[in-house]
Protein backbone atom coordinates (compact mmCIF):
# COMPACT_ATOMS: atom_id res chain seq x y z
CA MET A 1 -5.99 12.50 16.96
CA PRO A 2 -8.59 12.99 19.70
CA GLY A 3 -8.63 10.26 22.26
CA PHE A 4 -5.73 8.42 20.72
CA ALA A 5 -3.95 8.15 24.06
CA SER A 6 -6.60 5.60 24.99
CA LEU A 7 -5.15 3.30 22.34
CA LEU A 8 -1.89 2.94 24.24
CA VAL A 9 -2.78 -0.30 25.93
CA ALA A 10 -0.58 -3.16 26.97
CA SER A 11 0.47 -5.18 23.95
CA ALA A 12 -0.65 -8.48 25.45
CA ALA A 13 -4.23 -7.19 25.79
CA VAL A 14 -4.63 -6.06 22.17
CA ARG A 15 -6.67 -8.04 19.65
CA VAL A 16 -6.87 -6.15 16.38
CA ALA A 17 -9.17 -6.54 13.40
CA SER A 18 -8.17 -4.65 10.27
CA LEU A 19 -11.04 -3.90 7.89
CA ASN A 20 -9.07 -2.70 4.86
CA MET A 21 -6.34 -4.31 2.76
CA CYS A 22 -4.15 -1.22 3.08
CA SER A 23 -4.42 -1.08 6.87
CA ASP A 24 -3.82 -4.86 6.88
CA GLU A 25 -0.26 -4.21 5.65
CA TYR A 26 0.61 -2.10 8.68
CA LEU A 27 -0.91 -4.64 11.05
CA LEU A 28 0.71 -7.69 9.46
CA LEU A 29 4.13 -6.01 9.46
CA LEU A 30 4.01 -4.74 13.04
CA ALA A 31 1.80 -7.02 15.13
CA ARG A 32 2.60 -10.26 16.88
CA PRO A 33 0.44 -13.22 15.78
CA GLN A 34 -1.58 -13.28 19.00
CA GLU A 35 -2.48 -9.61 18.51
CA ILE A 36 -4.21 -10.17 15.16
CA ALA A 37 -7.88 -11.08 15.40
CA SER A 38 -8.59 -10.85 11.65
CA VAL A 39 -7.63 -9.13 8.41
CA SER A 40 -9.66 -8.27 5.35
CA ARG A 41 -10.28 -11.07 2.88
CA LEU A 42 -8.26 -9.32 0.17
CA SER A 43 -5.08 -9.78 2.21
CA ARG A 44 -5.63 -13.53 2.04
CA ASP A 45 -5.91 -13.47 -1.77
CA PRO A 46 -2.71 -14.01 -3.80
CA ALA A 47 -4.13 -11.91 -6.64
CA ASP A 48 -4.45 -8.81 -4.46
CA SER A 49 -1.84 -8.96 -1.70
CA SER A 50 1.82 -9.92 -1.72
CA LEU A 51 1.35 -10.65 2.00
CA TRP A 52 -1.26 -13.33 1.28
CA ARG A 53 0.78 -16.16 2.82
CA LEU A 54 0.97 -14.24 6.07
CA GLY A 55 -2.64 -13.09 5.78
CA GLN A 56 -3.90 -16.65 5.43
CA ARG A 57 -2.62 -17.45 8.91
CA PHE A 58 -5.43 -15.36 10.33
CA PRO A 59 -9.22 -15.27 10.00
CA GLY A 60 -10.59 -13.06 7.24
CA ASN A 61 -13.36 -10.49 7.49
CA ARG A 62 -15.49 -8.81 4.82
CA GLY A 63 -14.28 -5.32 5.63
CA ASN A 64 -17.19 -4.49 7.90
CA LEU A 65 -17.82 -4.40 11.63
CA GLU A 66 -20.32 -7.26 11.65
CA SER A 67 -17.93 -9.80 10.14
CA ALA A 68 -15.01 -8.58 12.27
CA LEU A 69 -16.93 -8.99 15.53
CA LYS A 70 -16.91 -12.75 15.06
CA THR A 71 -13.15 -12.72 15.73
CA ARG A 72 -13.61 -10.89 19.06
CA PRO A 73 -11.31 -7.85 18.56
CA ASN A 74 -10.95 -4.98 21.00
CA LEU A 75 -9.41 -2.62 18.44
CA LEU A 76 -10.50 -1.94 14.87
CA ILE A 77 -8.12 -0.46 12.29
CA THR A 78 -9.19 0.76 8.89
CA MET A 79 -8.01 3.28 6.30
CA GLY A 80 -9.67 6.14 4.52
CA GLY A 81 -12.83 6.20 6.59
CA GLY A 82 -14.53 3.17 8.02
CA GLY A 83 -17.63 5.30 8.33
CA LYS A 84 -18.82 7.37 11.29
CA SER A 85 -21.50 4.80 12.03
CA THR A 86 -18.88 2.07 12.33
CA ALA A 87 -16.84 4.10 14.83
CA LEU A 88 -20.00 5.08 16.74
CA ILE A 89 -21.29 1.52 17.01
CA ALA A 90 -17.83 0.20 17.87
CA GLY A 91 -17.51 2.79 20.62
CA LYS A 92 -20.83 1.82 22.13
CA MET A 93 -19.62 -1.78 22.17
CA GLY A 94 -16.42 -0.81 23.99
CA LEU A 95 -14.18 -1.23 20.93
CA ARG A 96 -11.43 1.24 20.14
CA THR A 97 -10.97 2.39 16.54
CA LEU A 98 -8.05 3.77 14.56
CA ASP A 99 -8.81 5.16 11.11
CA LEU A 100 -5.62 5.78 9.14
CA PRO A 101 -5.85 8.32 6.29
CA PHE A 102 -4.90 7.16 2.82
CA PRO A 103 -1.30 8.37 2.38
CA SER A 104 -0.58 11.20 -0.03
CA THR A 105 3.13 11.33 0.86
CA ILE A 106 5.78 8.93 2.09
CA GLN A 107 5.76 10.79 5.41
CA ASP A 108 2.09 9.85 5.73
CA VAL A 109 3.12 6.20 5.44
CA ALA A 110 5.76 6.69 8.14
CA ASN A 111 3.18 8.38 10.36
CA GLY A 112 0.82 5.46 9.82
CA MET A 113 3.47 2.99 10.91
CA THR A 114 3.99 5.01 14.09
CA LEU A 115 0.26 5.19 14.84
CA VAL A 116 -0.25 1.45 14.43
CA ALA A 117 2.84 0.67 16.52
CA GLN A 118 1.50 2.97 19.24
CA ALA A 119 -1.89 1.28 19.06
CA LEU A 120 -0.14 -2.05 19.58
CA GLY A 121 1.48 -0.61 22.69
CA ASP A 122 5.06 -0.28 21.45
CA GLU A 123 6.02 2.63 19.21
CA ARG A 124 9.52 1.15 18.87
CA ARG A 125 8.22 -1.51 16.51
CA ALA A 126 8.09 1.07 13.72
CA LEU A 127 11.72 2.11 14.19
CA PRO A 128 13.42 -0.54 11.99
CA TRP A 129 11.10 0.30 9.10
CA LYS A 130 11.66 4.03 9.58
CA ALA A 131 15.42 3.55 9.77
CA ARG A 132 15.34 1.62 6.49
CA LEU A 133 13.32 4.44 4.91
CA ALA A 134 15.82 7.02 6.18
CA ARG A 135 18.69 5.09 4.59
CA LEU A 136 16.90 5.06 1.25
CA GLN A 137 16.17 8.77 1.49
CA ARG A 138 19.82 9.58 2.24
CA SER A 139 20.99 7.60 -0.79
CA ALA A 140 18.32 8.62 -3.31
CA PRO A 141 19.85 8.64 -6.81
CA ALA A 142 19.36 11.23 -9.54
CA THR A 143 16.06 10.78 -11.33
CA ARG A 144 15.33 9.63 -14.88
CA ASP A 145 12.20 10.27 -16.94
CA ALA A 146 9.74 7.47 -16.24
CA ILE A 147 6.12 6.38 -16.54
CA PHE A 148 4.26 3.91 -14.37
CA LEU A 149 1.98 1.96 -16.70
CA GLY A 150 -1.02 -0.03 -15.57
CA ALA A 151 -3.89 -1.67 -17.42
CA GLY A 152 -5.46 0.53 -20.08
CA GLY A 153 -2.60 3.03 -19.81
CA ASN A 154 -3.58 4.15 -16.32
CA SER A 155 -0.70 5.80 -14.47
CA VAL A 156 -0.05 7.86 -11.32
CA GLY A 157 0.08 11.59 -10.62
CA VAL A 158 3.35 13.47 -10.32
CA GLN A 159 2.45 14.59 -6.78
CA SER A 160 1.16 11.19 -5.66
CA VAL A 161 2.70 8.98 -3.02
CA GLU A 162 3.47 6.47 -5.80
CA ALA A 163 5.54 9.11 -7.58
CA GLY A 164 7.29 9.78 -4.27
CA TRP A 165 8.36 6.15 -4.05
CA MET A 166 9.50 6.32 -7.68
CA ARG A 167 11.74 9.30 -6.86
CA LEU A 168 13.40 7.26 -4.12
CA ALA A 169 14.17 4.66 -6.79
CA GLY A 170 15.69 7.29 -9.11
CA LEU A 171 12.65 7.76 -11.36
CA LYS A 172 10.65 10.91 -12.13
CA GLN A 173 7.04 10.21 -13.04
CA ARG A 174 6.08 12.13 -16.16
CA SER A 175 3.03 14.38 -16.02
CA LEU A 176 0.27 12.81 -18.13
CA PRO A 177 -3.04 14.33 -19.22
CA GLY A 178 -5.78 12.76 -17.15
CA GLY A 179 -3.23 10.53 -15.43
CA ARG A 180 -3.16 8.17 -18.39
CA ALA A 181 -0.60 7.29 -21.07
CA SER A 182 -1.72 6.96 -24.68
CA LEU A 183 -0.28 4.57 -27.24
CA GLU A 184 0.50 7.54 -29.47
CA MET A 185 2.51 9.25 -26.72
CA LEU A 186 4.42 6.06 -25.94
CA ALA A 187 5.28 5.73 -29.64
CA THR A 188 6.35 9.34 -30.20
CA ARG A 189 7.70 10.33 -26.75
CA PRO A 190 8.73 7.14 -24.99
CA PRO A 191 10.12 7.53 -21.45
CA ALA A 192 13.63 6.51 -20.49
CA VAL A 193 12.11 3.95 -18.11
CA LEU A 194 8.70 2.30 -18.36
CA LEU A 195 7.40 0.54 -15.27
CA ARG A 196 4.80 -2.01 -16.39
CA SER A 197 2.53 -3.24 -13.63
CA ALA A 198 1.89 -6.98 -13.52
CA TYR A 199 -1.24 -6.54 -11.38
CA ARG A 200 -3.80 -9.20 -12.42
CA ARG A 201 -1.93 -9.64 -15.70
CA SER A 202 -3.38 -13.14 -16.20
CA GLU A 203 -6.95 -11.80 -16.33
CA ARG A 204 -8.48 -11.08 -19.72
CA SER A 205 -9.87 -7.54 -19.94
CA LEU A 206 -9.79 -4.58 -22.29
CA GLY A 207 -7.20 -2.94 -20.05
CA GLN A 208 -4.88 -5.93 -20.18
CA THR A 209 -5.38 -6.24 -23.94
CA TRP A 210 -4.32 -2.59 -24.27
CA LEU A 211 -1.02 -3.45 -22.56
CA GLU A 212 -0.37 -6.17 -25.12
CA HIS A 213 -0.32 -3.68 -28.01
CA PRO A 214 3.22 -3.39 -29.49
CA LEU A 215 3.20 0.38 -28.96
CA ALA A 216 2.78 -0.17 -25.22
CA SER A 217 6.31 -1.61 -25.12
CA PRO A 218 8.49 1.03 -26.81
CA LYS A 219 11.82 -0.43 -27.84
CA SER A 220 13.78 2.67 -26.85
CA SER A 221 12.58 2.52 -23.23
CA LYS A 222 14.06 0.41 -20.48
CA ILE A 223 11.07 -1.73 -19.53
CA VAL A 224 10.84 -2.97 -15.96
CA THR A 225 8.00 -5.21 -14.82
CA VAL A 226 6.81 -4.45 -11.30
CA ASP A 227 4.54 -6.39 -8.97
CA GLY A 228 1.48 -4.18 -8.97
CA ARG A 229 0.13 -5.44 -5.65
CA PRO A 230 2.27 -3.23 -3.35
CA TRP A 231 1.42 -0.23 -5.54
CA THR A 232 -2.30 -0.60 -4.81
CA CYS A 233 -1.81 0.84 -1.32
CA ALA A 234 1.65 2.40 -1.89
CA GLY A 235 2.33 1.78 1.79
CA PRO A 236 5.17 0.20 3.77
CA LEU A 237 5.64 -2.67 1.29
CA MET A 238 7.02 -0.13 -1.17
CA LEU A 239 10.40 -0.19 0.59
CA GLY A 240 11.02 -3.55 -1.07
CA GLU A 241 9.86 -2.17 -4.42
CA VAL A 242 12.33 0.71 -4.17
CA ASP A 243 15.17 -1.72 -3.46
CA ARG A 244 14.19 -3.88 -6.44
CA LEU A 245 13.89 -0.91 -8.79
CA ARG A 246 17.28 0.46 -7.78
CA SER A 247 18.86 -2.93 -8.45
CA GLN A 248 17.43 -2.93 -11.99
CA MET A 249 18.41 0.59 -13.03
């Protein structure tokens, strides 16, 4: 990453604002409290983030540069493109920026942890997380046919980072047309394991109503309810999800 060496500043001098819920996870897991200027508002919301209790300890921003400036950061972290104009304006104001790519593999998540730890001035902070990941990878069990099921039958791709985390838990995401499960398929070809996301389950919507159909809970499948919030970003919080899934298989 061009110019990234300039991010290696003394930890005590860093004040970081994260503009994206997914980049918030990396910051909240790796930074010391005095290094966090603000996080996105979604990471302070119990409905969206399982780190909300931690997120509420810090000011929230609206995911843009203007709102983050109020918390006086000297480093901005976002994910998936904060916009060239944001980086350009931030640079003119003397602010450093780190834009993490959305992960497509588990290695991308590991790389993101390293980059954020480096930006905080201490790459070693990522080592415990990476060691935990390595232990899970060494002990990965044989996989069983599985489907991740969200509202409206929405699922994940077989080559996605979510499917990678599932493999670590001993589950092989089934290939689905259009990335979506149908009630007919669940009735006629139920998976061995059905992961049902509890993301915003209390909200009334057509997608949630779809999940309540009897065919969406095939009796021949082992049904495991998962907290859908970590799956939104499929980032470092998924280590805990893998542990929980393994304990329920």
